[in-house]
Amino acid sequence: MLDTIDTGLSITKEEYDRTLVPYQVALHSLGYQVYIQQRPVILVYEGWDAAGKGGNIKRVTERLDPRGYVVHAIPAPKGDDKSHHYMWRFWRRLPEKGQIAIFDRSWYGRVMVERVEGFCTEEEWKRAYREINDFERQLVDFGTIVFKFWINISREEQLRRFEARKESQLKSWKLTDEDWRNRDRWEDYAVAVNEMLQKTSTLTAPWTVVEGNDKRYARIKVLKALVDELSKELDFDPIEELPTLWELEKERKKKSSKKLSPKVADDIEQISLPMIQSFEFEKIVIDGKEFDSDVMIYPNGKVKKWKRKEKHDLQASDIKKIIKRDPKLVILGLGTVGNLNVHPSVLDNLDKAGVAVLSFKTEKAIETYKEHRETPGTAALFHIGD
């Protein structure tokens, strides 16, 4: 089965940049419906080592309300988990109604790692197919919406990523001796994965195989699958209910073409926002200039000091200047401990203007800003105090 999958499918960076945010905003709206309709949702992520599961999960959760989801990174069982039935540690992590639970590795370890490495008997892993299918049937009968993603990459691509991780100071910690040992048993794992996909892809809970050599393609495929299926399950069209970013982009370009010559409009499209060189408590350095106050960065690249009327409060009036510049995305840095209070009217005004919002503690917000600084329509506000 895996041999028939074209892992080389890809999309351009331009297509990725154009479609990522709209799907994320749609998923944000659907996440709210999950809460309103009180439906539990489960996302299962499996795949080869270095397949990109973590990066995929990051893009799925990037615009979800953090109160509405939890990510379970499942290691080898220890303590109580090891002394119970292998499914027990998953039962106790199931989501409440109205919540989303994401499993980075899952109960499928029984028929893959535990099978291949001999951590269970042949009788036990063969019996697990029936146990897993029954378990997922019970979840769906209860009203749970279940997604299962297998991210598939080629053996050659895995080696390339391993070598890149080995040379990277930021990622070398992710590469272990166990990863290399598992790679040596690729064929054994391929047999187990093929059988797993065939025996546990049911009408109740089918697998979605994701072609993963191109990480951008894999992320968009997963987001599209989530938006499409959740829209059906929840009987809710996020594109109809929200002003879409596609429409906002068209409107923004329409306004720009009226006000500016084509050449100037093209120049604005190509603007990269200023680079943040460093940040520490009450000091941020942007394009070589040091600020000891909170700052706003507008979509046109201008940086302005921001003085709050209240010490830890962001009001609707503070955000008006940003909204006037037709942003698509506003990134909020809430301080070193995240205690900047965002007044509800701020979010209401941004929502009415069709602007997506990402808010984190300032350090993480800056990292997010760096990822989006070349995306047209991005703006930011950073509180650099406590």
Protein backbone atom coordinates (compact mmCIF):
# COMPACT_ATOMS: atom_id res chain seq x y z
CA MET A 1 0.00 0.00 0.00
CA LEU A 2 2.73 2.47 0.96
CA ASP A 3 4.52 1.72 -2.31
CA THR A 4 1.61 3.21 -4.27
CA ILE A 5 1.73 6.58 -2.49
CA ASP A 6 3.36 9.44 -4.37
CA THR A 7 5.35 11.08 -1.57
CA GLY A 8 6.70 13.64 -4.03
CA LEU A 9 3.50 15.69 -4.27
CA SER A 10 4.22 19.36 -3.54
CA ILE A 11 2.92 22.92 -3.71
CA THR A 12 4.71 26.21 -4.29
CA LYS A 13 5.58 28.56 -1.43
CA GLU A 14 3.22 31.13 -2.98
CA GLU A 15 0.30 28.69 -2.93
CA TYR A 16 1.18 27.66 0.62
CA ASP A 17 1.28 31.28 1.82
CA ARG A 18 -2.01 32.01 0.06
CA THR A 19 -3.93 29.06 1.53
CA LEU A 20 -2.45 28.48 5.01
CA VAL A 21 -4.06 31.38 6.88
CA PRO A 22 -7.55 30.99 5.34
CA TYR A 23 -7.67 27.33 6.35
CA GLN A 24 -6.39 28.16 9.85
CA VAL A 25 -9.01 30.88 10.29
CA ALA A 26 -11.74 28.50 9.10
CA LEU A 27 -10.49 25.89 11.57
CA HIS A 28 -10.58 28.48 14.35
CA SER A 29 -14.26 29.08 13.60
CA LEU A 30 -14.94 25.34 13.52
CA GLY A 31 -13.11 24.92 16.83
CA TYR A 32 -15.59 27.34 18.37
CA GLN A 33 -18.45 25.27 16.92
CA VAL A 34 -16.93 22.16 18.50
CA TYR A 35 -17.34 23.93 21.83
CA ILE A 36 -20.84 25.28 21.08
CA GLN A 37 -22.11 21.90 19.90
CA GLN A 38 -20.26 20.02 22.66
CA ARG A 39 -18.64 17.48 20.34
CA PRO A 40 -15.40 15.81 21.39
CA VAL A 41 -12.76 15.66 18.63
CA ILE A 42 -9.69 13.41 18.40
CA LEU A 43 -6.75 13.83 16.02
CA VAL A 44 -4.32 10.93 15.78
CA TYR A 45 -0.90 11.59 14.26
CA GLU A 46 1.31 8.72 13.19
CA GLY A 47 4.15 8.59 10.69
CA TRP A 48 7.78 7.82 10.08
CA ASP A 49 10.42 9.40 12.30
CA ALA A 50 11.12 12.96 11.03
CA ALA A 51 7.91 12.91 8.97
CA GLY A 52 6.96 16.38 10.24
CA LYS A 53 4.24 15.55 12.75
CA GLY A 54 5.25 18.27 15.19
CA GLY A 55 5.34 21.01 12.55
CA ASN A 56 2.00 19.83 11.19
CA ILE A 57 0.40 19.94 14.63
CA LYS A 58 1.85 23.43 15.15
CA ARG A 59 0.09 24.74 12.03
CA VAL A 60 -3.18 23.04 12.98
CA THR A 61 -3.22 24.57 16.47
CA GLU A 62 -1.71 27.96 15.57
CA ARG A 63 -5.04 29.82 15.52
CA LEU A 64 -7.15 27.56 17.73
CA ASP A 65 -8.30 28.89 21.08
CA PRO A 66 -5.73 27.40 23.49
CA ARG A 67 -8.52 26.65 25.96
CA GLY A 68 -10.15 24.34 23.44
CA TYR A 69 -7.45 21.80 22.69
CA VAL A 70 -4.69 19.72 24.25
CA VAL A 71 -1.74 17.95 22.64
CA HIS A 72 -0.65 14.62 24.11
CA ALA A 73 2.92 13.68 23.14
CA ILE A 74 2.89 9.97 23.88
CA PRO A 75 6.19 8.43 25.03
CA ALA A 76 6.86 4.82 26.01
CA PRO A 77 4.60 3.81 28.93
CA LYS A 78 6.00 4.29 32.43
CA GLY A 79 4.72 3.98 35.99
CA ASP A 80 0.94 3.53 36.19
CA ASP A 81 0.65 3.57 32.40
CA LYS A 82 2.92 0.53 32.19
CA SER A 83 1.09 -1.42 34.90
CA HIS A 84 -2.33 -1.14 33.19
CA HIS A 85 -3.81 -2.39 29.93
CA TYR A 86 -2.13 -0.55 27.04
CA MET A 87 -5.36 1.31 26.20
CA TRP A 88 -5.79 2.67 29.74
CA ARG A 89 -3.40 5.60 29.25
CA PHE A 90 -5.45 6.73 26.26
CA TRP A 91 -8.83 6.27 27.88
CA ARG A 92 -7.83 8.66 30.65
CA ARG A 93 -6.68 11.26 28.13
CA LEU A 94 -9.86 11.31 26.04
CA PRO A 95 -11.27 14.81 25.44
CA GLU A 96 -14.28 16.21 27.22
CA LYS A 97 -17.31 17.24 25.19
CA GLY A 98 -16.47 20.41 23.31
CA GLN A 99 -12.71 19.79 23.42
CA ILE A 100 -10.08 18.70 20.87
CA ALA A 101 -7.41 16.17 21.84
CA ILE A 102 -4.40 15.68 19.57
CA PHE A 103 -2.33 12.54 20.00
CA ASP A 104 1.26 12.74 18.76
CA ARG A 105 1.68 8.96 18.62
CA SER A 106 -1.20 6.86 19.90
CA TRP A 107 -2.67 3.44 20.63
CA TYR A 108 -1.33 2.35 17.25
CA GLY A 109 2.05 1.87 18.89
CA ARG A 110 0.72 -1.57 19.86
CA VAL A 111 0.68 -2.76 16.25
CA MET A 112 3.84 -0.91 15.17
CA VAL A 113 6.64 -0.26 17.68
CA GLU A 114 5.53 -2.86 20.22
CA ARG A 115 5.01 -5.41 17.48
CA VAL A 116 8.31 -4.80 15.68
CA GLU A 117 10.45 -4.41 18.80
CA GLY A 118 8.90 -7.42 20.55
CA PHE A 119 7.41 -5.49 23.48
CA CYS A 120 4.25 -7.60 23.25
CA THR A 121 3.48 -11.10 22.06
CA GLU A 122 2.22 -11.95 18.58
CA GLU A 123 -1.12 -12.92 20.09
CA GLU A 124 -1.37 -9.52 21.81
CA TRP A 125 -0.66 -7.35 18.77
CA LYS A 126 -2.93 -9.41 16.53
CA ARG A 127 -5.73 -9.08 19.07
CA ALA A 128 -5.13 -5.33 19.18
CA TYR A 129 -6.64 -4.78 15.71
CA ARG A 130 -10.05 -5.83 17.00
CA GLU A 131 -9.59 -3.93 20.26
CA ILE A 132 -8.66 -0.72 18.44
CA ASN A 133 -11.53 -0.94 15.96
CA ASP A 134 -13.99 -1.57 18.80
CA PHE A 135 -12.51 1.33 20.79
CA GLU A 136 -12.87 3.76 17.89
CA ARG A 137 -16.41 2.54 17.20
CA GLN A 138 -17.33 3.32 20.81
CA LEU A 139 -15.84 6.80 20.47
CA VAL A 140 -17.79 7.57 17.30
CA ASP A 141 -21.02 6.14 18.74
CA PHE A 142 -20.58 8.53 21.67
CA GLY A 143 -20.40 11.44 19.22
CA THR A 144 -16.64 11.85 18.94
CA ILE A 145 -15.24 13.06 15.62
CA VAL A 146 -12.11 11.02 14.90
CA PHE A 147 -9.30 11.88 12.47
CA LYS A 148 -6.32 9.62 11.82
CA PHE A 149 -3.34 10.87 9.83
CA TRP A 150 -0.41 8.77 8.65
CA ILE A 151 2.33 11.10 7.33
CA ASN A 152 4.33 9.17 4.78
CA ILE A 153 7.81 10.12 3.59
CA SER A 154 10.31 8.23 1.47
CA ARG A 155 13.31 6.52 2.99
CA GLU A 156 15.59 8.90 1.08
CA GLU A 157 13.78 11.96 2.45
CA GLN A 158 14.02 10.61 5.98
CA LEU A 159 17.80 10.23 5.59
CA ARG A 160 18.06 13.81 4.29
CA ARG A 161 16.15 15.10 7.32
CA PHE A 162 18.20 13.01 9.72
CA GLU A 163 21.42 14.43 8.26
CA ALA A 164 20.03 17.98 8.43
CA ARG A 165 19.05 17.48 12.07
CA LYS A 166 22.51 16.14 12.89
CA GLU A 167 24.10 19.33 11.55
CA SER A 168 21.62 21.72 13.18
CA GLN A 169 22.38 23.09 16.64
CA LEU A 170 18.67 23.76 17.13
CA LYS A 171 17.42 20.33 16.07
CA SER A 172 20.23 17.87 16.83
CA TRP A 173 18.61 16.98 20.16
CA LYS A 174 15.66 15.50 18.26
CA LEU A 175 17.87 12.86 16.62
CA THR A 176 18.64 9.84 18.81
CA ASP A 177 20.40 6.52 18.45
CA GLU A 178 16.96 4.92 18.55
CA ASP A 179 15.96 6.86 15.42
CA TRP A 180 18.91 5.41 13.51
CA ARG A 181 18.17 1.94 14.84
CA ASN A 182 14.51 2.20 13.77
CA ARG A 183 15.66 3.33 10.33
CA ASP A 184 17.69 0.14 9.98
CA ARG A 185 14.43 -1.78 10.45
CA TRP A 186 12.52 0.23 7.84
CA GLU A 187 11.28 -2.87 6.00
CA ASP A 188 9.95 -4.46 9.20
CA TYR A 189 8.09 -1.27 10.06
CA ALA A 190 6.75 -0.95 6.52
CA VAL A 191 5.14 -4.40 6.81
CA ALA A 192 3.55 -3.43 10.13
CA VAL A 193 2.32 -0.06 8.81
CA ASN A 194 0.78 -1.58 5.69
CA GLU A 195 -1.11 -4.14 7.76
CA MET A 196 -2.19 -1.48 10.27
CA LEU A 197 -3.62 0.77 7.54
CA GLN A 198 -5.46 -2.11 5.89
CA LYS A 199 -6.98 -3.55 9.09
CA THR A 200 -7.88 -0.36 10.94
CA SER A 201 -9.06 2.00 8.20
CA THR A 202 -12.78 1.55 8.75
CA LEU A 203 -15.91 3.38 7.67
CA THR A 204 -16.16 4.55 11.25
CA ALA A 205 -12.62 5.89 11.49
CA PRO A 206 -10.73 5.88 8.17
CA TRP A 207 -7.06 6.73 7.81
CA THR A 208 -5.95 9.74 5.80
CA VAL A 209 -2.54 9.05 4.28
CA VAL A 210 -0.61 12.31 3.84
CA GLU A 211 2.16 12.60 1.28
CA GLY A 212 4.88 14.17 3.37
CA ASN A 213 8.11 14.78 1.45
CA ASP A 214 6.94 18.38 0.99
CA LYS A 215 6.05 19.63 4.47
CA ARG A 216 3.99 22.49 3.07
CA TYR A 217 1.86 20.13 1.01
CA ALA A 218 1.34 17.88 4.05
CA ARG A 219 0.22 20.76 6.26
CA ILE A 220 -2.30 22.07 3.76
CA LYS A 221 -3.69 18.57 3.09
CA VAL A 222 -4.29 17.98 6.80
CA LEU A 223 -5.86 21.42 7.32
CA LYS A 224 -8.14 20.92 4.31
CA ALA A 225 -9.20 17.48 5.54
CA LEU A 226 -10.03 18.91 8.98
CA VAL A 227 -11.99 21.86 7.61
CA ASP A 228 -13.93 19.74 5.11
CA GLU A 229 -14.88 16.96 7.52
CA LEU A 230 -15.63 19.18 10.52
CA SER A 231 -17.85 21.35 8.31
CA LYS A 232 -19.88 18.24 7.44
CA GLU A 233 -19.98 16.79 10.95
CA LEU A 234 -20.95 20.09 12.56
CA ASP A 235 -23.21 21.19 9.70
CA PHE A 236 -21.47 24.54 9.74
CA ASP A 237 -19.86 26.43 6.87
CA PRO A 238 -17.00 28.59 8.23
CA ILE A 239 -16.53 30.25 4.85
CA GLU A 240 -20.16 31.40 4.81
CA GLU A 241 -20.23 32.55 8.42
CA LEU A 242 -16.95 34.48 8.43
CA PRO A 243 -15.56 37.11 6.05
CA THR A 244 -12.91 34.99 4.37
CA LEU A 245 -9.35 36.07 3.92
CA TRP A 246 -9.71 35.43 0.20
CA GLU A 247 -12.44 38.09 0.06
CA LEU A 248 -10.50 40.44 2.32
CA GLU A 249 -7.42 40.11 0.15
CA LYS A 250 -9.42 40.92 -2.97
CA GLU A 251 -10.97 43.94 -1.26
CA ARG A 252 -7.59 45.14 -0.01
CA LYS A 253 -6.06 44.88 -3.48
CA LYS A 254 -9.09 46.66 -4.92
CA LYS A 255 -8.61 49.56 -2.49
CA SER A 256 -4.88 49.65 -3.17
CA SER A 257 -5.34 49.82 -6.92
CA LYS A 258 -7.64 52.83 -6.55
CA LYS A 259 -5.32 54.76 -4.29
CA LEU A 260 -1.92 53.85 -5.72
CA SER A 261 -0.23 53.33 -9.05
CA PRO A 262 0.34 49.66 -9.98
CA LYS A 263 4.07 50.01 -9.38
CA VAL A 264 3.62 51.43 -5.87
CA ALA A 265 1.00 48.80 -5.05
CA ASP A 266 3.42 46.06 -6.17
CA ASP A 267 6.13 47.56 -3.96
CA ILE A 268 3.80 47.36 -0.94
CA GLU A 269 3.07 43.71 -1.70
CA GLN A 270 6.80 42.98 -1.53
CA ILE A 271 7.44 44.75 1.81
CA SER A 272 9.15 42.66 4.47
CA LEU A 273 8.42 43.83 7.97
CA PRO A 274 11.36 44.99 10.11
CA MET A 275 13.56 42.38 11.73
CA ILE A 276 13.60 41.96 15.50
CA GLN A 277 17.21 41.39 16.52
CA SER A 278 16.73 40.87 20.25
CA PHE A 279 14.24 41.05 23.08
CA GLU A 280 14.58 41.07 26.83
CA PHE A 281 12.53 42.48 29.68
CA GLU A 282 11.63 46.11 28.85
CA LYS A 283 13.96 46.28 25.85
CA ILE A 284 13.45 45.29 22.23
CA VAL A 285 15.80 45.94 19.29
CA ILE A 286 14.16 46.34 15.86
CA ASP A 287 16.29 46.92 12.75
CA GLY A 288 19.14 48.12 14.96
CA LYS A 289 17.03 50.62 16.93
CA GLU A 290 16.47 50.00 20.62
CA PHE A 291 13.04 50.60 22.17
CA ASP A 292 12.36 50.71 25.92
CA SER A 293 8.60 50.99 25.41
CA ASP A 294 5.90 48.79 23.93
CA VAL A 295 5.78 48.92 20.14
CA MET A 296 3.33 48.61 17.26
CA ILE A 297 4.45 47.38 13.85
CA TYR A 298 2.12 48.35 11.02
CA PRO A 299 1.57 46.31 7.81
CA ASN A 300 3.61 48.88 5.86
CA GLY A 301 6.66 48.23 8.05
CA LYS A 302 6.51 51.35 10.22
CA VAL A 303 7.37 50.94 13.91
CA LYS A 304 5.70 53.17 16.50
CA LYS A 305 6.00 53.41 20.26
CA TRP A 306 2.82 52.50 22.10
CA LYS A 307 1.93 54.01 25.47
CA ARG A 308 -0.90 52.34 27.31
CA LYS A 309 -3.53 54.37 29.14
CA GLU A 310 -3.80 51.60 31.69
CA LYS A 311 -0.73 49.69 32.83
CA HIS A 312 -1.86 46.26 31.69
CA ASP A 313 -4.80 46.94 29.41
CA LEU A 314 -5.16 47.00 25.61
CA GLN A 315 -8.21 49.02 24.57
CA ALA A 316 -10.09 49.19 21.27
CA SER A 317 -8.80 52.74 20.71
CA ASP A 318 -5.22 51.46 20.84
CA ILE A 319 -5.74 49.11 17.92
CA LYS A 320 -7.62 51.53 15.63
CA LYS A 321 -4.47 52.76 13.87
CA ILE A 322 -3.54 49.21 12.94
CA ILE A 323 -7.06 48.35 11.71
CA LYS A 324 -7.06 51.44 9.46
CA ARG A 325 -4.17 49.91 7.53
CA ASP A 326 -6.19 46.82 6.50
CA PRO A 327 -4.11 44.05 8.12
CA LYS A 328 -4.86 40.38 7.53
CA LEU A 329 -3.15 39.18 10.69
CA VAL A 330 -2.31 40.87 13.99
CA ILE A 331 0.20 39.24 16.34
CA LEU A 332 -0.08 40.27 20.00
CA GLY A 333 2.76 39.88 22.49
CA LEU A 334 1.24 39.87 25.98
CA GLY A 335 4.41 40.44 28.00
CA THR A 336 7.06 38.25 29.56
CA VAL A 337 4.48 36.56 31.77
CA GLY A 338 1.51 37.14 29.49
CA ASN A 339 -0.40 39.50 31.76
CA LEU A 340 -1.39 42.22 29.28
CA ASN A 341 -5.18 42.31 29.44
CA VAL A 342 -6.83 42.48 26.03
CA HIS A 343 -10.22 44.16 26.35
CA PRO A 344 -13.02 42.16 24.63
CA SER A 345 -13.78 45.16 22.41
CA VAL A 346 -10.34 44.77 20.81
CA LEU A 347 -11.10 41.25 19.64
CA ASP A 348 -14.62 42.27 18.58
CA ASN A 349 -13.27 45.08 16.41
CA LEU A 350 -10.61 42.88 14.85
CA ASP A 351 -13.18 40.16 14.21
CA LYS A 352 -15.56 42.64 12.55
CA ALA A 353 -12.70 43.81 10.33
CA GLY A 354 -11.99 40.20 9.35
CA VAL A 355 -8.54 40.20 10.94
CA ALA A 356 -7.01 37.01 12.30
CA VAL A 357 -5.36 37.32 15.74
CA LEU A 358 -2.52 35.36 17.31
CA SER A 359 -1.65 36.16 20.93
CA PHE A 360 1.15 34.69 23.04
CA LYS A 361 3.67 35.69 25.64
CA THR A 362 5.93 38.20 23.91
CA GLU A 363 8.88 35.85 23.39
CA LYS A 364 6.74 33.33 21.49
CA ALA A 365 4.84 36.12 19.72
CA ILE A 366 8.16 37.41 18.34
CA GLU A 367 9.03 33.97 17.01
CA THR A 368 5.61 33.82 15.34
CA TYR A 369 6.17 37.31 13.93
CA LYS A 370 9.45 36.18 12.37
CA GLU A 371 7.62 33.34 10.61
CA HIS A 372 5.04 35.78 9.16
CA ARG A 373 7.08 38.93 8.57
CA GLU A 374 7.20 38.34 4.81
CA THR A 375 3.48 37.66 4.59
CA PRO A 376 1.62 40.75 3.25
CA GLY A 377 -0.86 42.25 5.70
CA THR A 378 0.88 41.20 8.92
CA ALA A 379 0.93 43.63 11.86
CA ALA A 380 2.09 43.27 15.45
CA LEU A 381 1.88 44.80 18.90
CA PHE A 382 4.42 43.80 21.54
CA HIS A 383 4.17 44.48 25.27
CA ILE A 384 7.77 44.19 26.46
CA GLY A 385 7.16 44.52 30.20
CA ASP A 386 5.90 41.96 32.70
